[in-house]
Protein backbone atom coordinates (compact mmCIF):
# COMPACT_ATOMS: atom_id res chain seq x y z
CA MET A 1 -37.43 31.53 -29.98
CA ALA A 2 -34.65 31.40 -27.71
CA MET A 3 -33.67 28.01 -29.36
CA LYS A 4 -33.19 29.73 -32.76
CA ILE A 5 -30.77 32.35 -31.54
CA THR A 6 -28.42 29.81 -29.81
CA ARG A 7 -28.08 27.79 -33.05
CA ARG A 8 -27.26 30.80 -34.83
CA ARG A 9 -24.60 31.66 -32.58
CA LEU A 10 -23.04 28.16 -32.84
CA ILE A 11 -22.84 28.36 -36.49
CA GLY A 12 -21.08 31.87 -36.34
CA ALA A 13 -18.42 30.51 -33.89
CA PHE A 14 -18.08 27.52 -36.14
CA VAL A 15 -17.33 29.73 -39.16
CA ALA A 16 -14.81 31.97 -37.35
CA LEU A 17 -12.58 29.06 -36.12
CA LEU A 18 -12.51 27.93 -40.11
CA VAL A 19 -11.39 31.27 -41.01
CA ALA A 20 -8.64 31.47 -38.32
CA ALA A 21 -7.43 28.18 -39.39
CA GLY A 22 -7.25 29.34 -43.00
CA ILE A 23 -5.18 32.56 -42.14
CA GLY A 24 -2.79 30.28 -39.87
CA VAL A 25 -1.86 28.24 -42.93
CA ALA A 26 -1.41 30.90 -45.17
CA VAL A 27 1.15 32.57 -42.51
CA SER A 28 2.86 29.31 -42.23
CA GLN A 29 3.28 28.79 -45.83
CA ARG A 30 5.04 32.38 -46.32
CA LEU A 31 7.21 31.60 -43.38
CA GLY A 32 8.29 28.28 -44.93
CA LYS A 33 9.37 30.05 -48.14
CA ALA A 34 11.05 32.71 -46.20
CA GLY A 35 13.30 30.26 -44.19
CA GLY A 36 14.76 28.00 -47.04
CA ASN A 37 14.51 24.39 -46.71
CA GLY A 38 12.79 24.41 -43.63
CA GLU A 39 15.44 22.18 -41.72
CA GLY A 40 17.35 24.94 -40.35
CA GLY A 41 20.06 24.29 -42.72
CA PRO A 42 21.40 26.43 -45.41
CA GLY A 43 19.30 27.37 -48.22
CA LYS A 44 19.66 26.16 -51.82
CA GLY A 45 21.61 29.10 -52.69
CA GLU A 46 24.46 28.85 -50.22
CA PRO A 47 27.66 27.27 -51.15
CA PRO A 48 28.52 23.64 -49.82
CA VAL A 49 30.99 23.24 -46.92
CA THR A 50 34.52 22.42 -47.86
CA LEU A 51 35.94 19.51 -46.36
CA GLN A 52 39.45 20.09 -44.64
CA PHE A 53 41.68 17.04 -44.09
CA ALA A 54 45.37 17.48 -42.37
CA PRO A 55 48.64 15.93 -44.19
CA ALA A 56 48.46 13.01 -41.34
CA ASP A 57 45.36 12.04 -43.00
CA LEU A 58 46.63 11.31 -46.53
CA ALA A 59 48.64 8.52 -47.97
CA ARG A 60 50.46 7.81 -51.15
CA VAL A 61 51.00 4.89 -53.31
CA GLU A 62 54.53 3.48 -52.18
CA PRO A 63 56.57 0.29 -53.39
CA LYS A 64 56.80 -2.01 -50.17
CA GLU A 65 57.85 -5.37 -49.75
CA LEU A 66 55.25 -7.40 -48.43
CA GLY A 67 55.34 -10.40 -46.09
CA ARG A 68 54.33 -13.46 -48.12
CA TRP A 69 52.56 -16.42 -46.03
CA LEU A 70 51.19 -19.55 -47.06
CA PRO A 71 48.12 -20.62 -44.73
CA VAL A 72 47.78 -23.79 -43.13
CA SER A 73 45.38 -25.77 -41.10
CA GLY A 74 44.06 -29.10 -39.68
CA ALA A 75 44.14 -31.15 -36.45
CA VAL A 76 47.22 -32.12 -34.86
CA GLN A 77 47.87 -35.67 -33.94
CA PRO A 78 51.14 -37.41 -32.13
CA SER A 79 53.70 -38.23 -34.43
CA ARG A 80 54.77 -41.47 -32.78
CA SER A 81 51.88 -43.80 -31.56
CA ALA A 82 51.67 -47.77 -30.94
CA VAL A 83 48.87 -50.45 -30.62
CA VAL A 84 49.54 -52.92 -28.32
CA LYS A 85 48.06 -55.98 -29.78
CA ALA A 86 47.83 -59.64 -28.25
CA LYS A 87 50.41 -61.75 -29.48
CA VAL A 88 48.58 -65.06 -28.17
CA ALA A 89 44.99 -65.95 -27.46
CA GLY A 90 43.36 -66.27 -24.08
CA GLU A 91 42.01 -64.56 -21.06
CA VAL A 92 43.43 -60.91 -20.32
CA ARG A 93 44.37 -61.90 -16.51
CA ALA A 94 45.40 -58.35 -15.86
CA LEU A 95 45.61 -54.99 -17.05
CA THR A 96 47.27 -52.12 -15.05
CA VAL A 97 47.15 -49.11 -16.87
CA ARG A 98 44.22 -46.58 -17.57
CA GLU A 99 43.72 -43.86 -20.04
CA GLY A 100 45.46 -40.89 -19.33
CA GLU A 101 48.48 -42.62 -17.42
CA ALA A 102 52.12 -42.29 -18.45
CA VAL A 103 54.19 -45.45 -19.17
CA LYS A 104 57.63 -46.21 -19.67
CA ALA A 105 59.18 -48.13 -22.73
CA GLY A 106 59.13 -51.87 -21.65
CA GLN A 107 57.00 -51.23 -18.93
CA VAL A 108 54.64 -54.37 -18.21
CA ILE A 109 50.90 -53.11 -18.68
CA GLY A 110 48.93 -56.27 -18.53
CA ARG A 111 49.11 -60.26 -18.82
CA ILE A 112 47.14 -62.78 -20.50
CA ASP A 113 46.52 -66.16 -18.72
CA THR A 114 49.19 -68.58 -19.39
CA ALA A 115 47.76 -71.84 -18.04
CA ASP A 116 47.27 -73.49 -21.38
CA LEU A 117 50.78 -72.00 -22.69
CA GLU A 118 52.74 -73.46 -19.64
CA ALA A 119 51.08 -76.89 -20.46
CA ARG A 120 51.97 -76.54 -23.95
CA LEU A 121 55.66 -75.94 -22.93
CA ILE A 122 55.92 -79.08 -21.13
CA GLU A 123 54.52 -81.02 -23.51
CA ARG A 124 56.91 -79.69 -26.27
CA GLN A 125 59.68 -80.26 -23.57
CA GLY A 126 58.65 -83.92 -23.17
CA ALA A 127 58.90 -84.45 -27.16
CA LEU A 128 62.26 -82.80 -27.26
CA GLU A 129 63.60 -85.13 -24.82
CA SER A 130 61.79 -88.20 -26.67
CA ALA A 131 63.34 -86.98 -29.72
CA ARG A 132 66.87 -86.64 -28.24
CA ALA A 133 66.61 -89.98 -26.88
CA GLN A 134 66.05 -91.52 -30.38
CA LEU A 135 68.77 -89.10 -31.60
CA ALA A 136 71.34 -90.96 -29.19
CA LEU A 137 70.26 -94.44 -30.03
CA ALA A 138 70.39 -93.84 -33.62
CA GLU A 139 73.74 -92.37 -33.14
CA LYS A 140 75.09 -95.28 -31.23
CA THR A 141 73.67 -97.64 -33.83
CA ARG A 142 75.49 -95.65 -36.54
CA THR A 143 78.68 -95.71 -34.72
CA THR A 144 78.48 -99.61 -34.02
CA ASN A 145 77.47 -100.45 -37.91
CA GLN A 146 80.62 -97.97 -38.61
CA THR A 147 83.04 -100.23 -37.21
CA LEU A 148 81.30 -103.32 -38.38
CA LEU A 149 81.38 -102.10 -41.99
CA LYS A 150 85.18 -101.65 -41.43
CA GLN A 151 85.56 -105.21 -40.45
CA ASN A 152 83.26 -106.56 -43.32
CA PHE A 153 80.84 -107.75 -40.77
CA ILE A 154 77.88 -105.87 -42.24
CA SER A 155 77.01 -104.66 -45.87
CA GLN A 156 77.17 -101.29 -47.00
CA ASN A 157 73.57 -101.06 -47.46
CA ALA A 158 73.02 -102.00 -43.98
CA PHE A 159 75.19 -99.18 -42.60
CA ASP A 160 73.41 -96.69 -44.92
CA ASN A 161 70.20 -97.49 -43.31
CA SER A 162 71.68 -96.74 -39.77
CA GLU A 163 73.10 -93.42 -41.29
CA SER A 164 69.47 -92.64 -42.43
CA SER A 165 67.91 -93.48 -39.20
CA PHE A 166 70.41 -91.15 -37.43
CA ASN A 167 69.76 -88.18 -39.73
CA VAL A 168 66.05 -88.70 -39.22
CA ALA A 169 66.35 -88.62 -35.35
CA ARG A 170 68.67 -85.92 -35.67
CA GLY A 171 66.24 -83.99 -37.69
CA GLY A 172 63.53 -84.77 -35.22
CA ALA A 173 65.34 -83.40 -32.32
CA LYS A 174 65.97 -80.30 -33.89
CA SER A 175 62.23 -79.85 -34.63
CA ALA A 176 61.40 -80.62 -31.06
CA GLU A 177 63.60 -78.01 -29.93
CA ALA A 178 61.98 -75.38 -32.53
CA GLN A 179 58.60 -76.34 -30.96
CA VAL A 180 60.11 -75.83 -27.46
CA GLN A 181 61.28 -72.17 -28.19
CA ILE A 182 58.09 -71.45 -29.93
CA ALA A 183 56.15 -72.37 -26.80
CA ARG A 184 58.59 -70.22 -24.62
CA ASN A 185 58.12 -67.41 -26.93
CA ALA A 186 54.32 -67.54 -26.54
CA LEU A 187 54.87 -67.76 -22.98
CA LYS A 188 56.96 -64.70 -22.94
CA ASP A 189 54.32 -62.90 -25.09
CA ALA A 190 51.53 -63.29 -22.82
CA VAL A 191 53.31 -60.30 -20.84
CA LEU A 192 52.16 -57.03 -22.49
CA THR A 193 54.60 -54.19 -22.50
CA ALA A 194 54.61 -50.57 -23.53
CA PRO A 195 56.80 -50.33 -26.96
CA LEU A 196 57.47 -46.93 -26.24
CA ALA A 197 57.33 -44.10 -23.37
CA GLY A 198 54.04 -42.08 -23.53
CA ILE A 199 50.41 -41.79 -22.65
CA VAL A 200 47.67 -44.41 -22.52
CA ALA A 201 45.18 -43.10 -25.20
CA LYS A 202 42.78 -45.97 -25.04
CA ARG A 203 42.13 -49.44 -23.65
CA HIS A 204 40.33 -51.49 -26.23
CA VAL A 205 39.60 -54.45 -23.78
CA GLN A 206 39.16 -54.98 -20.04
CA ALA A 207 40.78 -57.40 -17.42
CA GLY A 208 38.56 -60.70 -17.88
CA GLU A 209 37.92 -60.47 -21.52
CA LYS A 210 39.21 -63.16 -24.04
CA VAL A 211 41.25 -62.06 -26.74
CA ASN A 212 42.39 -63.66 -30.03
CA PHE A 213 45.58 -63.15 -31.78
CA ASP A 214 46.26 -59.69 -32.86
CA THR A 215 43.33 -58.09 -30.69
CA PRO A 216 44.06 -54.40 -30.14
CA VAL A 217 44.60 -54.08 -26.10
CA VAL A 218 46.14 -50.53 -25.29
CA THR A 219 47.15 -47.47 -27.44
CA VAL A 220 49.83 -45.58 -26.49
CA VAL A 221 50.82 -42.13 -27.95
CA ASP A 222 53.93 -40.06 -27.25
CA LEU A 223 53.18 -36.21 -26.77
CA GLY A 224 56.57 -35.17 -26.90
CA THR A 225 56.15 -34.17 -30.67
CA LEU A 226 52.99 -33.50 -32.43
CA GLU A 227 52.40 -33.36 -36.23
CA LEU A 228 50.10 -31.58 -38.58
CA ASN A 229 49.03 -32.55 -41.64
CA ALA A 230 48.22 -29.70 -43.77
CA MET A 231 46.77 -29.88 -47.33
CA VAL A 232 48.97 -27.24 -49.33
CA PRO A 233 47.74 -26.44 -52.98
CA ALA A 234 50.46 -27.94 -55.33
CA VAL A 235 51.29 -24.69 -57.22
CA ASP A 236 52.84 -23.28 -53.78
CA VAL A 237 54.77 -26.49 -52.68
CA PRO A 238 57.89 -25.42 -55.11
CA GLU A 239 58.34 -22.68 -52.76
CA LEU A 240 58.37 -24.76 -49.62
CA ARG A 241 61.70 -26.04 -47.76
CA LEU A 242 62.21 -28.45 -45.17
CA GLY A 243 62.98 -26.84 -41.99
CA MET A 244 60.70 -23.72 -42.74
CA PRO A 245 59.13 -22.30 -39.46
CA VAL A 246 55.57 -22.20 -38.97
CA ASP A 247 53.82 -20.09 -36.87
CA LEU A 248 50.50 -21.63 -35.01
CA ALA A 249 47.37 -20.81 -33.10
CA ILE A 250 45.42 -23.74 -31.48
CA ASP A 251 41.91 -23.82 -30.82
CA GLY A 252 41.46 -22.80 -26.86
CA PHE A 253 44.64 -21.20 -26.07
CA GLY A 254 43.72 -17.73 -27.28
CA GLU A 255 46.56 -15.34 -28.22
CA ARG A 256 49.29 -17.87 -27.54
CA ARG A 257 51.22 -18.82 -30.18
CA PHE A 258 53.19 -22.18 -31.08
CA SER A 259 56.26 -22.76 -33.23
CA GLY A 260 56.49 -25.65 -35.84
CA ARG A 261 58.64 -26.61 -38.75
CA VAL A 262 58.04 -28.18 -42.17
CA GLU A 263 59.39 -32.00 -41.30
CA ARG A 264 58.36 -33.64 -44.62
CA ILE A 265 56.68 -33.04 -47.86
CA ASN A 266 54.50 -35.56 -49.53
CA PRO A 267 56.00 -36.54 -53.06
CA ALA A 268 52.54 -36.95 -54.86
CA THR A 269 49.24 -34.99 -54.39
CA GLU A 270 46.01 -36.66 -52.77
CA PRO A 271 43.79 -38.68 -55.01
CA GLY A 272 40.91 -36.41 -56.43
CA THR A 273 42.89 -33.17 -55.64
CA ARG A 274 45.51 -30.90 -56.54
CA ALA A 275 46.74 -30.49 -53.08
CA ILE A 276 49.80 -32.02 -51.42
CA VAL A 277 50.43 -33.07 -47.70
CA VAL A 278 52.89 -31.02 -45.85
CA TYR A 279 53.77 -32.48 -42.25
CA VAL A 280 54.69 -29.81 -39.56
CA GLY A 281 56.43 -30.65 -36.40
CA ILE A 282 55.62 -29.43 -33.19
CA PRO A 283 57.55 -29.59 -30.15
CA ASN A 284 55.31 -30.43 -27.05
CA VAL A 285 57.86 -31.12 -24.19
CA ASP A 286 55.40 -30.06 -21.58
CA GLY A 287 52.42 -32.11 -22.97
CA THR A 288 50.27 -28.90 -23.06
CA LEU A 289 48.96 -29.89 -26.70
CA LYS A 290 46.80 -32.87 -27.09
CA GLY A 291 46.19 -35.01 -30.07
CA GLY A 292 42.93 -34.03 -31.99
CA MET A 293 43.29 -30.25 -31.35
CA PHE A 294 42.74 -27.73 -34.21
CA ALA A 295 45.17 -25.47 -35.54
CA THR A 296 45.62 -22.74 -38.01
CA GLY A 297 48.63 -21.03 -39.00
CA ARG A 298 50.91 -20.08 -41.90
CA ILE A 299 54.08 -20.56 -43.23
CA ALA A 300 56.57 -17.58 -44.23
CA LEU A 301 57.84 -17.59 -47.65
CA ALA A 302 60.58 -15.65 -49.16
CA ALA A 303 60.13 -11.99 -49.73
CA ALA A 304 58.99 -11.15 -53.18
CA PRO A 305 60.02 -7.97 -55.02
CA PRO A 306 58.48 -4.55 -53.91
CA VAL A 307 55.03 -3.72 -55.32
CA PRO A 308 52.80 -0.52 -55.18
CA THR A 309 50.87 -0.46 -51.55
CA LEU A 310 48.51 1.52 -49.55
CA PRO A 311 47.93 1.30 -45.99
CA ALA A 312 45.16 -1.10 -45.51
CA ALA A 313 42.75 1.28 -43.50
CA ALA A 314 42.62 3.48 -46.78
CA VAL A 315 41.13 0.66 -48.78
CA ARG A 316 37.31 0.14 -48.41
CA THR A 317 35.35 -2.75 -49.81
CA GLU A 318 31.54 -2.76 -50.14
CA ALA A 319 29.18 -4.91 -52.12
CA GLY A 320 32.59 -6.78 -53.07
CA GLN A 321 34.29 -3.84 -54.79
CA SER A 322 37.44 -2.08 -53.42
CA PHE A 323 38.01 1.52 -53.69
CA VAL A 324 39.62 4.60 -52.22
CA TRP A 325 38.94 8.08 -51.90
CA THR A 326 41.22 10.54 -53.46
CA ILE A 327 41.37 14.67 -53.26
CA ASP A 328 41.62 15.36 -57.09
CA ASP A 329 41.32 19.29 -58.03
CA GLY A 330 39.73 20.29 -54.80
CA LYS A 331 37.13 17.40 -54.80
CA LEU A 332 36.59 14.05 -53.56
CA VAL A 333 36.48 11.35 -56.01
CA ARG A 334 35.89 7.53 -55.53
CA ARG A 335 38.23 5.41 -57.31
CA VAL A 336 37.72 1.80 -57.74
CA VAL A 337 40.86 -0.39 -57.20
CA VAL A 338 42.20 -3.93 -57.46
CA THR A 339 43.76 -5.30 -54.75
CA GLY A 340 46.39 -8.28 -54.44
CA ARG A 341 48.56 -9.54 -51.50
CA ARG A 342 47.79 -8.33 -48.22
CA ASP A 343 50.31 -7.86 -45.15
CA ASP A 344 48.42 -7.89 -41.99
CA GLU A 345 51.52 -7.23 -39.83
CA ALA A 346 52.88 -4.35 -42.04
CA GLY A 347 49.17 -3.31 -42.42
CA ARG A 348 49.68 -2.59 -46.10
CA VAL A 349 47.82 -4.02 -49.11
CA GLU A 350 48.90 -4.35 -52.77
CA ILE A 351 47.23 -2.15 -55.30
CA LYS A 352 47.23 -3.69 -58.69
CA THR A 353 45.20 -0.69 -60.16
CA ALA A 354 47.44 2.32 -61.43
CA LEU A 355 46.59 5.53 -59.73
CA PRO A 356 47.26 8.99 -60.86
CA ALA A 357 50.90 9.98 -60.05
CA GLY A 358 51.18 11.65 -56.54
CA ALA A 359 47.28 11.07 -55.64
CA GLN A 360 46.41 12.06 -52.56
CA VAL A 361 44.46 9.31 -50.89
CA LEU A 362 42.70 9.35 -47.74
CA ALA A 363 44.49 7.05 -45.32
CA ALA A 364 41.96 6.59 -42.65
CA ARG A 365 38.56 5.84 -42.80
CA PHE A 366 35.57 8.74 -43.08
CA ASP A 367 32.06 8.48 -43.01
CA ASN A 368 29.44 10.15 -45.11
CA LEU A 369 31.90 11.06 -47.93
CA LYS A 370 30.08 12.04 -51.07
CA GLU A 371 31.70 11.91 -54.71
CA GLY A 372 32.38 15.42 -55.91
CA ALA A 373 32.51 17.19 -52.47
CA PRO A 374 34.78 20.03 -52.01
CA ALA A 375 37.73 19.23 -50.16
CA MET A 376 41.28 20.53 -49.45
CA VAL A 377 44.30 19.77 -47.58
CA LYS A 378 45.10 22.04 -44.55
CA ALA A 379 48.03 23.66 -43.96
CA PRO A 380 49.57 22.77 -40.45
CA ALA A 381 49.50 26.30 -39.24
CA SER A 382 45.78 26.28 -39.80
CA SER A 383 44.90 23.32 -37.73
CA THR A 384 43.03 25.58 -35.25
CA ASN A 385 40.44 26.62 -37.63
CA ALA A 386 40.12 23.00 -39.34
CA THR A 387 36.58 21.99 -40.15
CA THR A 388 36.27 18.22 -38.77
CA PRO A 389 36.02 15.76 -41.62
CA PRO A 390 32.53 13.73 -41.84
CA GLY A 391 32.21 11.36 -39.62
CA GLY A 392 34.53 12.93 -36.66
CA GLY A 393 37.78 11.22 -38.14
CA ALA A 394 38.89 7.62 -38.60
CA GLY A 395 36.32 5.02 -38.19
């Protein structure tokens, strides 16, 4: 009997809990209807807040002259370089310079073994002495026969033979002299000298190696002036002139800028492209820049007539579409625009789309703006009572 009473009491308590929960749900639903949207915000019947902007937040389309720039880029290279090549075959006996060392024009930088060349010179000098002896004998014979011919002791034919022998001997002597000079030049060419003042960029061989004629030995570059070979569209070339200044940035130098000038313009386009190579000279007196560094820059072109512009901050881009926010009849209007040239230094961009006359454009970036939201321009005197625009100002 006691067990039955306990079960009844438990069932009663459970029913009481269910009833209490139902009452709580009903009360909660009533409170939700009375409280509006349940998020603490204004109800559906309350008017939206009017956004207020200061006159400084607005801009108007104004005609401006935009700076025109032609971008260029590429690796810089020494404008003067030379490869010292072996003019004679032989073993490299000495090479006195290494990569990175400075050399002067005419400085001896290496030597090729001259033992064979010296022997060849001695041989050619011996041949020359023999040729000169033969020439002297032929000349003496010719002189004697000339006297005998006048006295009619020999025939004209005999004299002509002696004359011919003399001419042959004279030609042989001249040939031997030339051979001696060639041997002397080869001996001189065995000494390697720097053709220009600069820096050794590469040693192609080492001491002790054998080289053939025209084998590269050392490459010397002059870093006093570097050159940028930039590809420029052919349509922009008519606006370029020799001597135009070029503003450059070099990778690795941060914000430091370098100055160059248009030195040469190729007369023909590159094969397979519609671009022309423009050669930009870059002074490098202190040798700071090195060959192969990458440079980006721009060439200042002549100013164009004024065009309609807006501050660059007023133009926003989303999903590849440019637009501006305007205040029109007390509401925010999102207007799609087509932009043109951009002048980053002036901070303005060309607007090709015609906007309403006197359109009030938001000049700064504001977040959370919505199409059709109420908006107004507050008077300067009421600035203390202004409502902060969405996003807390320019973003």
